[in-house]
Amino acid sequence: MEIPAQLQDISSPNFVSYFYCALFFGVKVIEVERKDDFSTNIEGIKNSITDKTKAILISSPNNPTGYALRLKELKEIVDIVIKNDLYLISDEVYENYIYEDLKHTSPASLNEMFERTITVNAMSKLFSATGFRLGYVVASKELIDLMEKYHQYT
């Protein structure tokens, strides 16, 4: 069976459900391990992209490590996304839990990125209602329309 698409998971380790959701839809996940200090392995990302790669997944701050992307890293990832004509899935569920002297920047706010970014977020963490699993996505209308086709029946 030919895998129709490939997803780069540059946040490994990551929220476990992402891997299984991708497999459910027949998407091959390529994990790019972080460096020992949990920073992003930019060269690893570049080297693992193939002609089947459709999207890159980031999680910042990361679950479970807590590592938050530095703006320089984020811009390097954005450059890779644009250069390779990819989408970026950005898990920002823990954006309010940065305990370093850093500022959260959503990749969707950067040049040329809104149309390429699917932002995943949740109210459950911010409002201490984790059992409710209240999440949402922000993306272009075109991407939301595609997601609705799958979400209605899953």
N, C-alpha and C. Protein backbone atom coordinates (compact mmCIF):
# COMPACT_ATOMS: atom_id res chain seq x y z
N MET A 1 0.85 -1.19 0.00
CA MET A 1 0.00 0.00 0.00
C MET A 1 0.88 1.24 0.00
N GLU A 2 0.61 2.14 -0.89
CA GLU A 2 1.39 3.37 -0.96
C GLU A 2 0.84 4.39 0.03
N ILE A 3 1.72 4.99 0.78
CA ILE A 3 1.33 6.03 1.73
C ILE A 3 1.12 7.33 0.95
N PRO A 4 -0.07 7.95 1.04
CA PRO A 4 -0.36 9.12 0.23
C PRO A 4 0.35 10.40 0.66
N ALA A 5 0.74 10.48 1.89
CA ALA A 5 1.34 11.72 2.38
C ALA A 5 2.30 11.39 3.51
N GLN A 6 3.09 12.36 3.84
CA GLN A 6 4.07 12.19 4.89
C GLN A 6 4.05 13.44 5.78
N LEU A 7 4.16 13.24 7.07
CA LEU A 7 4.15 14.33 8.04
C LEU A 7 5.47 14.30 8.80
N GLN A 8 6.14 15.43 8.85
CA GLN A 8 7.35 15.54 9.65
C GLN A 8 6.93 15.95 11.06
N ASP A 9 7.26 15.14 12.05
CA ASP A 9 6.99 15.49 13.44
C ASP A 9 8.31 15.93 14.05
N ILE A 10 8.50 17.24 14.11
CA ILE A 10 9.78 17.73 14.61
C ILE A 10 9.77 17.95 16.11
N SER A 11 8.66 17.61 16.72
CA SER A 11 8.54 17.86 18.14
C SER A 11 8.77 16.62 18.98
N SER A 12 9.27 15.57 18.38
CA SER A 12 9.41 14.31 19.10
C SER A 12 10.37 14.47 20.27
N PRO A 13 9.98 14.08 21.48
CA PRO A 13 8.70 13.48 21.84
C PRO A 13 7.56 14.49 21.75
N ASN A 14 6.35 13.93 21.62
CA ASN A 14 5.19 14.79 21.42
C ASN A 14 3.95 14.16 22.02
N PHE A 15 2.86 14.90 22.00
CA PHE A 15 1.56 14.41 22.44
C PHE A 15 1.23 13.16 21.65
N VAL A 16 1.03 12.05 22.34
CA VAL A 16 0.97 10.73 21.72
C VAL A 16 -0.15 10.59 20.68
N SER A 17 -1.25 11.27 20.83
CA SER A 17 -2.39 11.10 19.91
C SER A 17 -2.09 11.55 18.49
N TYR A 18 -1.18 12.49 18.31
CA TYR A 18 -0.88 12.96 16.95
C TYR A 18 -0.40 11.82 16.05
N PHE A 19 0.46 10.99 16.58
CA PHE A 19 1.01 9.88 15.82
C PHE A 19 -0.12 8.94 15.37
N TYR A 20 -1.01 8.59 16.28
CA TYR A 20 -2.07 7.64 15.95
C TYR A 20 -3.15 8.25 15.06
N CYS A 21 -3.42 9.52 15.20
CA CYS A 21 -4.36 10.18 14.28
C CYS A 21 -3.81 10.16 12.86
N ALA A 22 -2.54 10.42 12.70
CA ALA A 22 -1.92 10.39 11.37
C ALA A 22 -2.01 8.98 10.78
N LEU A 23 -1.69 7.98 11.57
CA LEU A 23 -1.77 6.60 11.08
C LEU A 23 -3.19 6.23 10.68
N PHE A 24 -4.17 6.68 11.44
CA PHE A 24 -5.57 6.40 11.14
C PHE A 24 -5.94 6.86 9.73
N PHE A 25 -5.39 8.00 9.32
CA PHE A 25 -5.69 8.54 8.00
C PHE A 25 -4.66 8.13 6.94
N GLY A 26 -3.80 7.16 7.27
CA GLY A 26 -2.86 6.64 6.30
C GLY A 26 -1.67 7.53 6.04
N VAL A 27 -1.35 8.39 6.97
CA VAL A 27 -0.23 9.31 6.81
C VAL A 27 1.00 8.72 7.50
N LYS A 28 2.09 8.69 6.80
CA LYS A 28 3.35 8.22 7.38
C LYS A 28 3.97 9.36 8.19
N VAL A 29 4.37 9.05 9.41
CA VAL A 29 4.97 10.06 10.28
C VAL A 29 6.48 9.83 10.33
N ILE A 30 7.23 10.87 10.02
CA ILE A 30 8.69 10.83 10.12
C ILE A 30 9.07 11.66 11.34
N GLU A 31 9.60 11.00 12.35
CA GLU A 31 9.99 11.72 13.56
C GLU A 31 11.42 12.21 13.45
N VAL A 32 11.60 13.47 13.74
CA VAL A 32 12.94 14.06 13.79
C VAL A 32 13.21 14.37 15.25
N GLU A 33 14.13 13.63 15.83
CA GLU A 33 14.43 13.80 17.25
C GLU A 33 15.04 15.18 17.51
N ARG A 34 14.71 15.71 18.67
CA ARG A 34 15.30 16.98 19.09
C ARG A 34 16.76 16.76 19.49
N LYS A 35 17.48 17.85 19.64
CA LYS A 35 18.85 17.78 20.15
C LYS A 35 18.79 17.46 21.64
N ASP A 36 19.94 17.18 22.24
CA ASP A 36 19.99 16.80 23.65
C ASP A 36 19.41 17.86 24.58
N ASP A 37 19.50 19.14 24.19
CA ASP A 37 18.95 20.22 25.01
C ASP A 37 17.49 20.52 24.65
N PHE A 38 16.86 19.65 23.85
CA PHE A 38 15.48 19.74 23.37
C PHE A 38 15.27 20.81 22.30
N SER A 39 16.33 21.47 21.86
CA SER A 39 16.17 22.45 20.79
C SER A 39 15.92 21.73 19.47
N THR A 40 15.52 22.49 18.46
CA THR A 40 15.11 21.93 17.19
C THR A 40 16.30 21.50 16.34
N ASN A 41 16.19 20.33 15.76
CA ASN A 41 17.21 19.79 14.88
C ASN A 41 16.90 20.24 13.45
N ILE A 42 17.29 21.46 13.11
CA ILE A 42 16.97 22.06 11.81
C ILE A 42 17.54 21.22 10.66
N GLU A 43 18.78 20.78 10.79
CA GLU A 43 19.37 19.95 9.72
C GLU A 43 18.62 18.64 9.57
N GLY A 44 18.19 18.07 10.69
CA GLY A 44 17.41 16.83 10.64
C GLY A 44 16.10 17.01 9.89
N ILE A 45 15.47 18.16 10.09
CA ILE A 45 14.22 18.46 9.37
C ILE A 45 14.50 18.55 7.88
N LYS A 46 15.50 19.34 7.52
CA LYS A 46 15.84 19.52 6.10
C LYS A 46 16.15 18.19 5.42
N ASN A 47 16.90 17.34 6.11
CA ASN A 47 17.33 16.07 5.53
C ASN A 47 16.22 15.03 5.43
N SER A 48 15.15 15.19 6.18
CA SER A 48 14.10 14.17 6.17
C SER A 48 12.92 14.50 5.26
N ILE A 49 12.91 15.68 4.67
CA ILE A 49 11.81 16.06 3.78
C ILE A 49 11.96 15.33 2.45
N THR A 50 10.84 14.77 1.99
CA THR A 50 10.81 14.08 0.69
C THR A 50 9.72 14.72 -0.17
N ASP A 51 9.55 14.19 -1.37
CA ASP A 51 8.51 14.71 -2.25
C ASP A 51 7.11 14.36 -1.74
N LYS A 52 7.01 13.44 -0.77
CA LYS A 52 5.71 13.09 -0.19
C LYS A 52 5.37 13.91 1.05
N THR A 53 6.30 14.68 1.54
CA THR A 53 6.05 15.49 2.73
C THR A 53 5.03 16.56 2.41
N LYS A 54 3.99 16.64 3.23
CA LYS A 54 2.93 17.63 3.04
C LYS A 54 2.88 18.65 4.17
N ALA A 55 3.35 18.25 5.35
CA ALA A 55 3.23 19.15 6.51
C ALA A 55 4.32 18.86 7.53
N ILE A 56 4.57 19.85 8.34
CA ILE A 56 5.45 19.73 9.49
C ILE A 56 4.62 20.04 10.73
N LEU A 57 4.81 19.25 11.77
CA LEU A 57 4.10 19.45 13.03
C LEU A 57 5.07 19.98 14.07
N ILE A 58 4.69 21.09 14.70
CA ILE A 58 5.48 21.60 15.82
C ILE A 58 4.57 21.72 17.04
N SER A 59 5.18 21.72 18.19
CA SER A 59 4.46 21.85 19.45
C SER A 59 5.29 22.75 20.35
N SER A 60 4.77 23.96 20.60
CA SER A 60 5.54 24.90 21.40
C SER A 60 4.62 25.77 22.25
N PRO A 61 4.83 25.71 23.56
CA PRO A 61 5.70 24.83 24.31
C PRO A 61 5.30 23.36 24.11
N ASN A 62 6.30 22.53 24.13
CA ASN A 62 6.13 21.12 23.84
C ASN A 62 5.51 20.36 25.01
N ASN A 63 4.64 19.43 24.67
CA ASN A 63 4.12 18.45 25.62
C ASN A 63 4.76 17.12 25.24
N PRO A 64 5.64 16.55 26.01
CA PRO A 64 5.78 16.66 27.46
C PRO A 64 7.01 17.43 27.96
N THR A 65 7.90 17.90 27.09
CA THR A 65 9.18 18.45 27.58
C THR A 65 9.08 19.86 28.14
N GLY A 66 8.10 20.65 27.67
CA GLY A 66 7.99 22.04 28.09
C GLY A 66 8.87 22.98 27.29
N TYR A 67 9.65 22.46 26.35
CA TYR A 67 10.55 23.30 25.57
C TYR A 67 9.75 24.25 24.68
N ALA A 68 10.10 25.54 24.72
CA ALA A 68 9.45 26.55 23.88
C ALA A 68 10.41 26.97 22.77
N LEU A 69 9.90 27.00 21.55
CA LEU A 69 10.73 27.40 20.41
C LEU A 69 11.21 28.84 20.58
N ARG A 70 12.46 29.05 20.27
CA ARG A 70 13.01 30.40 20.21
C ARG A 70 12.60 30.99 18.87
N LEU A 71 12.48 32.29 18.78
CA LEU A 71 12.03 32.94 17.55
C LEU A 71 12.94 32.57 16.37
N LYS A 72 14.23 32.49 16.61
CA LYS A 72 15.18 32.11 15.54
C LYS A 72 14.84 30.72 14.99
N GLU A 73 14.56 29.77 15.88
CA GLU A 73 14.19 28.41 15.45
C GLU A 73 12.90 28.44 14.64
N LEU A 74 11.93 29.18 15.15
CA LEU A 74 10.63 29.26 14.47
C LEU A 74 10.80 29.82 13.07
N LYS A 75 11.60 30.87 12.93
CA LYS A 75 11.82 31.46 11.60
C LYS A 75 12.53 30.48 10.67
N GLU A 76 13.44 29.68 11.19
CA GLU A 76 14.10 28.67 10.36
C GLU A 76 13.10 27.61 9.89
N ILE A 77 12.19 27.21 10.76
CA ILE A 77 11.15 26.25 10.40
C ILE A 77 10.23 26.85 9.34
N VAL A 78 9.83 28.09 9.54
CA VAL A 78 8.98 28.79 8.57
C VAL A 78 9.66 28.85 7.20
N ASP A 79 10.95 29.14 7.18
CA ASP A 79 11.69 29.16 5.91
C ASP A 79 11.63 27.81 5.22
N ILE A 80 11.77 26.73 5.98
CA ILE A 80 11.70 25.38 5.42
C ILE A 80 10.31 25.12 4.85
N VAL A 81 9.27 25.52 5.59
CA VAL A 81 7.88 25.32 5.15
C VAL A 81 7.64 26.04 3.82
N ILE A 82 8.04 27.30 3.76
CA ILE A 82 7.80 28.09 2.54
C ILE A 82 8.62 27.54 1.37
N LYS A 83 9.89 27.28 1.61
CA LYS A 83 10.77 26.79 0.54
C LYS A 83 10.26 25.48 -0.06
N ASN A 84 9.66 24.61 0.77
CA ASN A 84 9.21 23.30 0.32
C ASN A 84 7.71 23.24 0.04
N ASP A 85 7.04 24.41 0.10
CA ASP A 85 5.60 24.49 -0.18
C ASP A 85 4.80 23.51 0.67
N LEU A 86 5.00 23.59 1.99
CA LEU A 86 4.37 22.69 2.95
C LEU A 86 3.34 23.43 3.79
N TYR A 87 2.60 22.67 4.58
CA TYR A 87 1.75 23.22 5.62
C TYR A 87 2.47 23.06 6.95
N LEU A 88 2.07 23.88 7.91
CA LEU A 88 2.63 23.79 9.26
C LEU A 88 1.47 23.58 10.23
N ILE A 89 1.53 22.51 11.00
CA ILE A 89 0.55 22.26 12.05
C ILE A 89 1.23 22.69 13.35
N SER A 90 0.63 23.67 14.01
CA SER A 90 1.26 24.27 15.19
C SER A 90 0.41 24.02 16.43
N ASP A 91 0.87 23.13 17.29
CA ASP A 91 0.20 22.85 18.56
C ASP A 91 0.62 23.94 19.54
N GLU A 92 -0.34 24.79 19.90
CA GLU A 92 -0.05 25.91 20.81
C GLU A 92 -0.86 25.80 22.10
N VAL A 93 -1.23 24.57 22.47
CA VAL A 93 -2.08 24.34 23.63
C VAL A 93 -1.45 24.89 24.91
N TYR A 94 -0.14 24.84 25.02
CA TYR A 94 0.54 25.28 26.25
C TYR A 94 1.15 26.68 26.12
N GLU A 95 0.63 27.50 25.20
CA GLU A 95 1.23 28.82 24.96
C GLU A 95 1.25 29.71 26.20
N ASN A 96 0.36 29.48 27.13
CA ASN A 96 0.32 30.31 28.35
C ASN A 96 1.18 29.75 29.47
N TYR A 97 1.94 28.71 29.17
CA TYR A 97 2.77 28.07 30.19
C TYR A 97 4.24 28.13 29.81
N ILE A 98 4.72 29.32 29.58
CA ILE A 98 6.14 29.54 29.30
C ILE A 98 6.75 30.15 30.56
N TYR A 99 7.70 29.45 31.14
CA TYR A 99 8.28 29.89 32.40
C TYR A 99 9.68 30.45 32.25
N GLU A 100 10.10 30.66 31.04
CA GLU A 100 11.39 31.28 30.78
C GLU A 100 11.14 32.71 30.32
N ASP A 101 12.19 33.44 30.11
CA ASP A 101 12.05 34.81 29.63
C ASP A 101 11.87 34.79 28.11
N LEU A 102 10.79 34.15 27.66
CA LEU A 102 10.48 34.02 26.24
C LEU A 102 9.07 34.52 25.98
N LYS A 103 8.82 34.84 24.73
CA LYS A 103 7.48 35.26 24.33
C LYS A 103 6.98 34.26 23.29
N HIS A 104 5.75 33.81 23.45
CA HIS A 104 5.16 32.89 22.47
C HIS A 104 4.85 33.66 21.18
N THR A 105 5.26 33.11 20.06
CA THR A 105 4.93 33.67 18.75
C THR A 105 4.25 32.58 17.94
N SER A 106 3.05 32.85 17.48
CA SER A 106 2.35 31.89 16.63
C SER A 106 2.91 32.00 15.22
N PRO A 107 3.27 30.88 14.60
CA PRO A 107 3.78 30.96 13.23
C PRO A 107 2.77 31.55 12.25
N ALA A 108 1.49 31.43 12.54
CA ALA A 108 0.46 32.00 11.65
C ALA A 108 0.58 33.52 11.56
N SER A 109 1.22 34.14 12.55
CA SER A 109 1.36 35.60 12.54
C SER A 109 2.56 36.07 11.72
N LEU A 110 3.37 35.16 11.26
CA LEU A 110 4.55 35.53 10.48
C LEU A 110 4.21 35.64 9.00
N ASN A 111 5.02 36.39 8.26
CA ASN A 111 4.77 36.63 6.83
C ASN A 111 4.52 35.35 6.06
N GLU A 112 3.51 35.38 5.22
CA GLU A 112 3.16 34.29 4.31
C GLU A 112 2.70 33.01 5.01
N MET A 113 2.46 33.04 6.31
CA MET A 113 2.21 31.79 7.01
C MET A 113 0.76 31.52 7.37
N PHE A 114 -0.12 32.51 7.39
CA PHE A 114 -1.49 32.22 7.81
C PHE A 114 -2.14 31.15 6.94
N GLU A 115 -1.99 31.26 5.64
CA GLU A 115 -2.62 30.30 4.72
C GLU A 115 -1.98 28.92 4.81
N ARG A 116 -0.79 28.84 5.36
CA ARG A 116 -0.06 27.57 5.44
C ARG A 116 -0.13 26.93 6.83
N THR A 117 -0.75 27.62 7.80
CA THR A 117 -0.69 27.15 9.19
C THR A 117 -2.04 26.67 9.68
N ILE A 118 -2.02 25.53 10.36
CA ILE A 118 -3.17 25.03 11.10
C ILE A 118 -2.78 25.14 12.57
N THR A 119 -3.40 26.06 13.28
CA THR A 119 -3.10 26.27 14.69
C THR A 119 -4.05 25.43 15.52
N VAL A 120 -3.49 24.59 16.38
CA VAL A 120 -4.27 23.74 17.27
C VAL A 120 -4.14 24.32 18.67
N ASN A 121 -5.26 24.54 19.33
CA ASN A 121 -5.23 25.10 20.67
C ASN A 121 -6.37 24.52 21.49
N ALA A 122 -6.42 24.87 22.75
CA ALA A 122 -7.46 24.33 23.64
C ALA A 122 -7.74 25.31 24.76
N MET A 123 -8.98 25.30 25.18
CA MET A 123 -9.37 26.12 26.33
C MET A 123 -9.20 25.34 27.63
N SER A 124 -9.14 24.03 27.51
CA SER A 124 -9.14 23.18 28.69
C SER A 124 -7.93 23.41 29.59
N LYS A 125 -6.76 23.67 29.03
CA LYS A 125 -5.57 23.89 29.87
C LYS A 125 -5.64 25.25 30.56
N LEU A 126 -5.98 26.28 29.80
CA LEU A 126 -6.01 27.64 30.34
C LEU A 126 -7.04 27.78 31.46
N PHE A 127 -8.18 27.11 31.31
CA PHE A 127 -9.26 27.24 32.29
C PHE A 127 -9.35 26.06 33.25
N SER A 128 -8.28 25.29 33.35
CA SER A 128 -8.20 24.15 34.27
C SER A 128 -9.39 23.21 34.14
N ALA A 129 -9.73 22.91 32.91
CA ALA A 129 -10.85 22.00 32.63
C ALA A 129 -10.38 20.89 31.70
N THR A 130 -9.26 20.26 32.08
CA THR A 130 -8.61 19.31 31.17
C THR A 130 -9.49 18.11 30.84
N GLY A 131 -10.36 17.72 31.70
CA GLY A 131 -11.24 16.58 31.43
C GLY A 131 -12.26 16.85 30.34
N PHE A 132 -12.51 18.12 30.04
CA PHE A 132 -13.51 18.46 29.03
C PHE A 132 -12.98 18.35 27.60
N ARG A 133 -11.68 18.36 27.41
CA ARG A 133 -11.09 18.24 26.07
C ARG A 133 -11.67 19.26 25.09
N LEU A 134 -11.69 20.52 25.48
CA LEU A 134 -12.23 21.59 24.64
C LEU A 134 -11.12 22.18 23.78
N GLY A 135 -11.07 21.76 22.54
CA GLY A 135 -10.03 22.24 21.65
C GLY A 135 -10.61 22.91 20.43
N TYR A 136 -9.74 23.57 19.68
CA TYR A 136 -10.17 24.23 18.45
C TYR A 136 -8.98 24.39 17.51
N VAL A 137 -9.28 24.64 16.26
CA VAL A 137 -8.24 24.93 15.27
C VAL A 137 -8.54 26.26 14.62
N VAL A 138 -7.48 26.93 14.19
CA VAL A 138 -7.58 28.16 13.42
C VAL A 138 -6.79 27.91 12.14
N ALA A 139 -7.47 28.14 11.01
CA ALA A 139 -6.82 27.92 9.71
C ALA A 139 -7.60 28.67 8.65
N SER A 140 -7.09 28.63 7.44
CA SER A 140 -7.80 29.27 6.33
C SER A 140 -9.12 28.53 6.08
N LYS A 141 -10.06 29.21 5.44
CA LYS A 141 -11.36 28.59 5.14
C LYS A 141 -11.18 27.33 4.31
N GLU A 142 -10.27 27.37 3.37
CA GLU A 142 -10.02 26.20 2.51
C GLU A 142 -9.62 24.98 3.35
N LEU A 143 -8.72 25.17 4.31
CA LEU A 143 -8.29 24.06 5.16
C LEU A 143 -9.39 23.61 6.11
N ILE A 144 -10.13 24.56 6.67
CA ILE A 144 -11.23 24.20 7.56
C ILE A 144 -12.27 23.38 6.81
N ASP A 145 -12.60 23.76 5.58
CA ASP A 145 -13.57 23.00 4.78
C ASP A 145 -13.10 21.56 4.58
N LEU A 146 -11.82 21.37 4.32
CA LEU A 146 -11.28 20.01 4.17
C LEU A 146 -11.35 19.24 5.48
N MET A 147 -11.02 19.89 6.59
CA MET A 147 -11.07 19.23 7.89
C MET A 147 -12.48 18.80 8.25
N GLU A 148 -13.46 19.62 7.91
CA GLU A 148 -14.85 19.28 8.23
C GLU A 148 -15.29 17.99 7.55
N LYS A 149 -14.80 17.72 6.37
CA LYS A 149 -15.16 16.49 5.67
C LYS A 149 -14.76 15.26 6.49
N TYR A 150 -13.59 15.31 7.12
CA TYR A 150 -13.11 14.18 7.90
C TYR A 150 -13.68 14.18 9.31
N HIS A 151 -13.78 15.34 9.90
CA HIS A 151 -14.18 15.42 11.30
C HIS A 151 -15.64 15.02 11.52
N GLN A 152 -16.50 15.26 10.56
CA GLN A 152 -17.91 14.93 10.72
C GLN A 152 -18.12 13.45 11.00
N TYR A 153 -17.23 12.62 10.52
CA TYR A 153 -17.45 11.18 10.60
C TYR A 153 -16.40 10.45 11.43
N THR A 154 -15.61 11.19 12.16
CA THR A 154 -14.60 10.52 12.99
C THR A 154 -14.73 10.93 14.43
